[in-house]
């Protein structure tokens, strides 16, 4: 998949991998520092799933808010569950799922910024 993306962008695959690795390391450091500042253990930022739940709790929302983030995933995968190959249905479900995920992510991010007094 990444080879196709790198071919479409016209860049070297190795360069793309180095850039993606750099972005990943950057976000690991940022999340680690955020967790330490919020009095969590830094390594908890690296545990997939747990870090999302912890960010929601840090933002002052209830833990069950985490399950709302599963709804966009279910919507984006609905065509697979339904067994359809209609590209319009696939594109629509993907767009709706990503939009819903973006809305939830912005809500949690704004709450987190307010919690750390850096917000809007």
C-alpha atoms as a PDB file:
ATOM      1  CA  UNK A   1       0.000   0.000   0.000  1.00  0.00           C
ATOM      2  CA  UNK A   2       2.739   2.445   0.951  1.00  0.00           C
ATOM      3  CA  UNK A   3       4.616   1.529  -2.219  1.00  0.00           C
ATOM      4  CA  UNK A   4       1.560   2.577  -4.238  1.00  0.00           C
ATOM      5  CA  UNK A   5       1.320   5.855  -2.320  1.00  0.00           C
ATOM      6  CA  UNK A   6       5.004   6.586  -2.790  1.00  0.00           C
ATOM      7  CA  UNK A   7       4.689   5.850  -6.531  1.00  0.00           C
ATOM      8  CA  UNK A   8       1.680   8.182  -6.787  1.00  0.00           C
ATOM      9  CA  UNK A   9       3.534  10.950  -4.980  1.00  0.00           C
ATOM     10  CA  UNK A  10       6.635  10.341  -7.069  1.00  0.00           C
ATOM     11  CA  UNK A  11       8.968   9.978  -4.103  1.00  0.00           C
ATOM     12  CA  UNK A  12      11.305   7.247  -3.054  1.00  0.00           C
ATOM     13  CA  UNK A  13       9.708   4.553  -0.861  1.00  0.00           C
ATOM     14  CA  UNK A  14      12.614   4.656   1.612  1.00  0.00           C
ATOM     15  CA  UNK A  15      12.252   8.416   1.971  1.00  0.00           C
ATOM     16  CA  UNK A  16       8.541   8.004   2.674  1.00  0.00           C
ATOM     17  CA  UNK A  17       9.294   5.388   5.338  1.00  0.00           C
ATOM     18  CA  UNK A  18      11.881   7.657   6.997  1.00  0.00           C
ATOM     19  CA  UNK A  19       9.413  10.560   7.069  1.00  0.00           C
ATOM     20  CA  UNK A  20       6.657   8.358   8.522  1.00  0.00           C
ATOM     21  CA  UNK A  21       9.055   6.983  11.124  1.00  0.00           C
ATOM     22  CA  UNK A  22      10.051  10.534  12.070  1.00  0.00           C
ATOM     23  CA  UNK A  23       6.406  11.565  12.459  1.00  0.00           C
ATOM     24  CA  UNK A  24       5.730   8.485  14.604  1.00  0.00           C
ATOM     25  CA  UNK A  25       8.700   9.192  16.881  1.00  0.00           C
ATOM     26  CA  UNK A  26       7.618  12.834  17.201  1.00  0.00           C
ATOM     27  CA  UNK A  27       4.096  11.863  18.275  1.00  0.00           C
ATOM     28  CA  UNK A  28       5.429   9.267  20.725  1.00  0.00           C
ATOM     29  CA  UNK A  29       7.550  11.952  22.404  1.00  0.00           C
ATOM     30  CA  UNK A  30       4.653  14.439  22.479  1.00  0.00           C
ATOM     31  CA  UNK A  31       2.229  11.906  23.956  1.00  0.00           C
ATOM     32  CA  UNK A  32       4.840  10.751  26.490  1.00  0.00           C
ATOM     33  CA  UNK A  33       5.346  14.330  27.721  1.00  0.00           C
ATOM     34  CA  UNK A  34       1.590  14.937  27.814  1.00  0.00           C
ATOM     35  CA  UNK A  35       1.006  11.836  29.919  1.00  0.00           C
ATOM     36  CA  UNK A  36       3.800  12.747  32.330  1.00  0.00           C
ATOM     37  CA  UNK A  37       2.370  16.260  32.696  1.00  0.00           C
ATOM     38  CA  UNK A  38      -1.034  14.731  33.504  1.00  0.00           C
ATOM     39  CA  UNK A  39       0.521  12.521  36.239  1.00  0.00           C
ATOM     40  CA  UNK A  40       0.296   9.298  34.237  1.00  0.00           C
ATOM     41  CA  UNK A  41       3.231   7.016  33.588  1.00  0.00           C
ATOM     42  CA  UNK A  42       4.907   7.965  30.314  1.00  0.00           C
ATOM     43  CA  UNK A  43       4.897   4.463  28.862  1.00  0.00           C
ATOM     44  CA  UNK A  44       1.084   4.429  29.026  1.00  0.00           C
ATOM     45  CA  UNK A  45       1.130   6.779  26.032  1.00  0.00           C
ATOM     46  CA  UNK A  46       2.555   3.965  23.920  1.00  0.00           C
ATOM     47  CA  UNK A  47      -0.171   1.407  24.697  1.00  0.00           C
ATOM     48  CA  UNK A  48      -2.630   1.408  21.832  1.00  0.00           C
ATOM     49  CA  UNK A  49      -6.240   1.872  22.882  1.00  0.00           C
ATOM     50  CA  UNK A  50      -5.305   2.675  26.457  1.00  0.00           C
ATOM     51  CA  UNK A  51      -3.776   5.969  25.406  1.00  0.00           C
ATOM     52  CA  UNK A  52      -7.015   6.995  23.673  1.00  0.00           C
ATOM     53  CA  UNK A  53      -9.062   6.087  26.732  1.00  0.00           C
ATOM     54  CA  UNK A  54      -6.621   7.955  28.983  1.00  0.00           C
ATOM     55  CA  UNK A  55      -6.755  11.065  26.779  1.00  0.00           C
ATOM     56  CA  UNK A  56     -10.533  11.072  27.047  1.00  0.00           C
ATOM     57  CA  UNK A  57     -10.351  10.749  30.828  1.00  0.00           C
ATOM     58  CA  UNK A  58      -7.669  13.498  30.954  1.00  0.00           C
ATOM     59  CA  UNK A  59      -9.975  15.802  28.999  1.00  0.00           C
ATOM     60  CA  UNK A  60     -12.573  15.519  31.752  1.00  0.00           C
ATOM     61  CA  UNK A  61     -15.027  13.353  29.849  1.00  0.00           C
ATOM     62  CA  UNK A  62     -16.400  10.085  31.143  1.00  0.00           C
ATOM     63  CA  UNK A  63     -14.619   6.916  30.116  1.00  0.00           C
ATOM     64  CA  UNK A  64     -17.625   5.596  28.225  1.00  0.00           C
ATOM     65  CA  UNK A  65     -17.088   8.434  25.737  1.00  0.00           C
ATOM     66  CA  UNK A  66     -14.351   6.159  24.367  1.00  0.00           C
ATOM     67  CA  UNK A  67     -17.015   3.885  22.901  1.00  0.00           C
ATOM     68  CA  UNK A  68     -18.287   6.743  20.736  1.00  0.00           C
ATOM     69  CA  UNK A  69     -14.984   6.491  18.871  1.00  0.00           C
ATOM     70  CA  UNK A  70     -15.918   2.951  17.839  1.00  0.00           C
ATOM     71  CA  UNK A  71     -18.969   4.180  15.903  1.00  0.00           C
ATOM     72  CA  UNK A  72     -16.920   5.788  13.070  1.00  0.00           C
ATOM     73  CA  UNK A  73     -14.865   2.594  12.779  1.00  0.00           C
ATOM     74  CA  UNK A  74     -18.034   0.538  12.456  1.00  0.00           C
ATOM     75  CA  UNK A  75     -19.459   2.961   9.879  1.00  0.00           C
ATOM     76  CA  UNK A  76     -16.249   2.918   7.815  1.00  0.00           C
ATOM     77  CA  UNK A  77     -16.252  -0.895   7.831  1.00  0.00           C
ATOM     78  CA  UNK A  78     -19.994  -1.273   7.184  1.00  0.00           C
ATOM     79  CA  UNK A  79     -19.520  -2.055   3.463  1.00  0.00           C
ATOM     80  CA  UNK A  80     -17.232  -4.948   4.428  1.00  0.00           C
ATOM     81  CA  UNK A  81     -19.800  -6.269   6.891  1.00  0.00           C
ATOM     82  CA  UNK A  82     -22.556  -5.925   4.297  1.00  0.00           C
ATOM     83  CA  UNK A  83     -20.438  -7.501   1.575  1.00  0.00           C
ATOM     84  CA  UNK A  84     -20.976  -4.718  -0.940  1.00  0.00           C
ATOM     85  CA  UNK A  85     -18.536  -3.712  -3.633  1.00  0.00           C
ATOM     86  CA  UNK A  86     -20.448  -0.592  -4.677  1.00  0.00           C
ATOM     87  CA  UNK A  87     -17.841   2.180  -4.691  1.00  0.00           C
ATOM     88  CA  UNK A  88     -20.434   4.860  -3.935  1.00  0.00           C
ATOM     89  CA  UNK A  89     -21.481   3.085  -0.735  1.00  0.00           C
ATOM     90  CA  UNK A  90     -17.862   2.517   0.272  1.00  0.00           C
ATOM     91  CA  UNK A  91     -16.919   6.165  -0.351  1.00  0.00           C
ATOM     92  CA  UNK A  92     -19.988   7.484   1.470  1.00  0.00           C
ATOM     93  CA  UNK A  93     -19.442   5.299   4.519  1.00  0.00           C
ATOM     94  CA  UNK A  94     -15.769   6.241   4.625  1.00  0.00           C
ATOM     95  CA  UNK A  95     -16.537   9.956   4.386  1.00  0.00           C
ATOM     96  CA  UNK A  96     -19.237   9.826   7.074  1.00  0.00           C
ATOM     97  CA  UNK A  97     -17.025   7.774   9.386  1.00  0.00           C
ATOM     98  CA  UNK A  98     -14.024  10.068   8.986  1.00  0.00           C
ATOM     99  CA  UNK A  99     -16.160  13.173   9.496  1.00  0.00           C
ATOM    100  CA  UNK A 100     -17.693  11.755  12.675  1.00  0.00           C
ATOM    101  CA  UNK A 101     -14.250  10.745  13.944  1.00  0.00           C
ATOM    102  CA  UNK A 102     -12.932  14.253  13.233  1.00  0.00           C
ATOM    103  CA  UNK A 103     -15.810  15.838  15.168  1.00  0.00           C
ATOM    104  CA  UNK A 104     -15.205  13.584  18.188  1.00  0.00           C
ATOM    105  CA  UNK A 105     -11.445  14.150  18.014  1.00  0.00           C
ATOM    106  CA  UNK A 106     -11.838  17.940  17.914  1.00  0.00           C
ATOM    107  CA  UNK A 107     -14.229  17.786  20.887  1.00  0.00           C
ATOM    108  CA  UNK A 108     -11.752  15.798  22.990  1.00  0.00           C
ATOM    109  CA  UNK A 109      -8.810  17.962  21.883  1.00  0.00           C
ATOM    110  CA  UNK A 110     -10.574  21.220  22.796  1.00  0.00           C
ATOM    111  CA  UNK A 111     -11.565  19.768  26.189  1.00  0.00           C
ATOM    112  CA  UNK A 112      -7.978  18.647  26.748  1.00  0.00           C
ATOM    113  CA  UNK A 113      -6.650  22.102  25.854  1.00  0.00           C
ATOM    114  CA  UNK A 114      -9.043  23.732  28.301  1.00  0.00           C
ATOM    115  CA  UNK A 115      -8.065  21.229  30.968  1.00  0.00           C
ATOM    116  CA  UNK A 116      -4.392  22.182  30.568  1.00  0.00           C
ATOM    117  CA  UNK A 117      -5.307  25.877  30.346  1.00  0.00           C
ATOM    118  CA  UNK A 118      -3.947  26.198  26.819  1.00  0.00           C
ATOM    119  CA  UNK A 119      -7.305  26.298  25.155  1.00  0.00           C
ATOM    120  CA  UNK A 120      -9.787  28.297  23.334  1.00  0.00           C
END
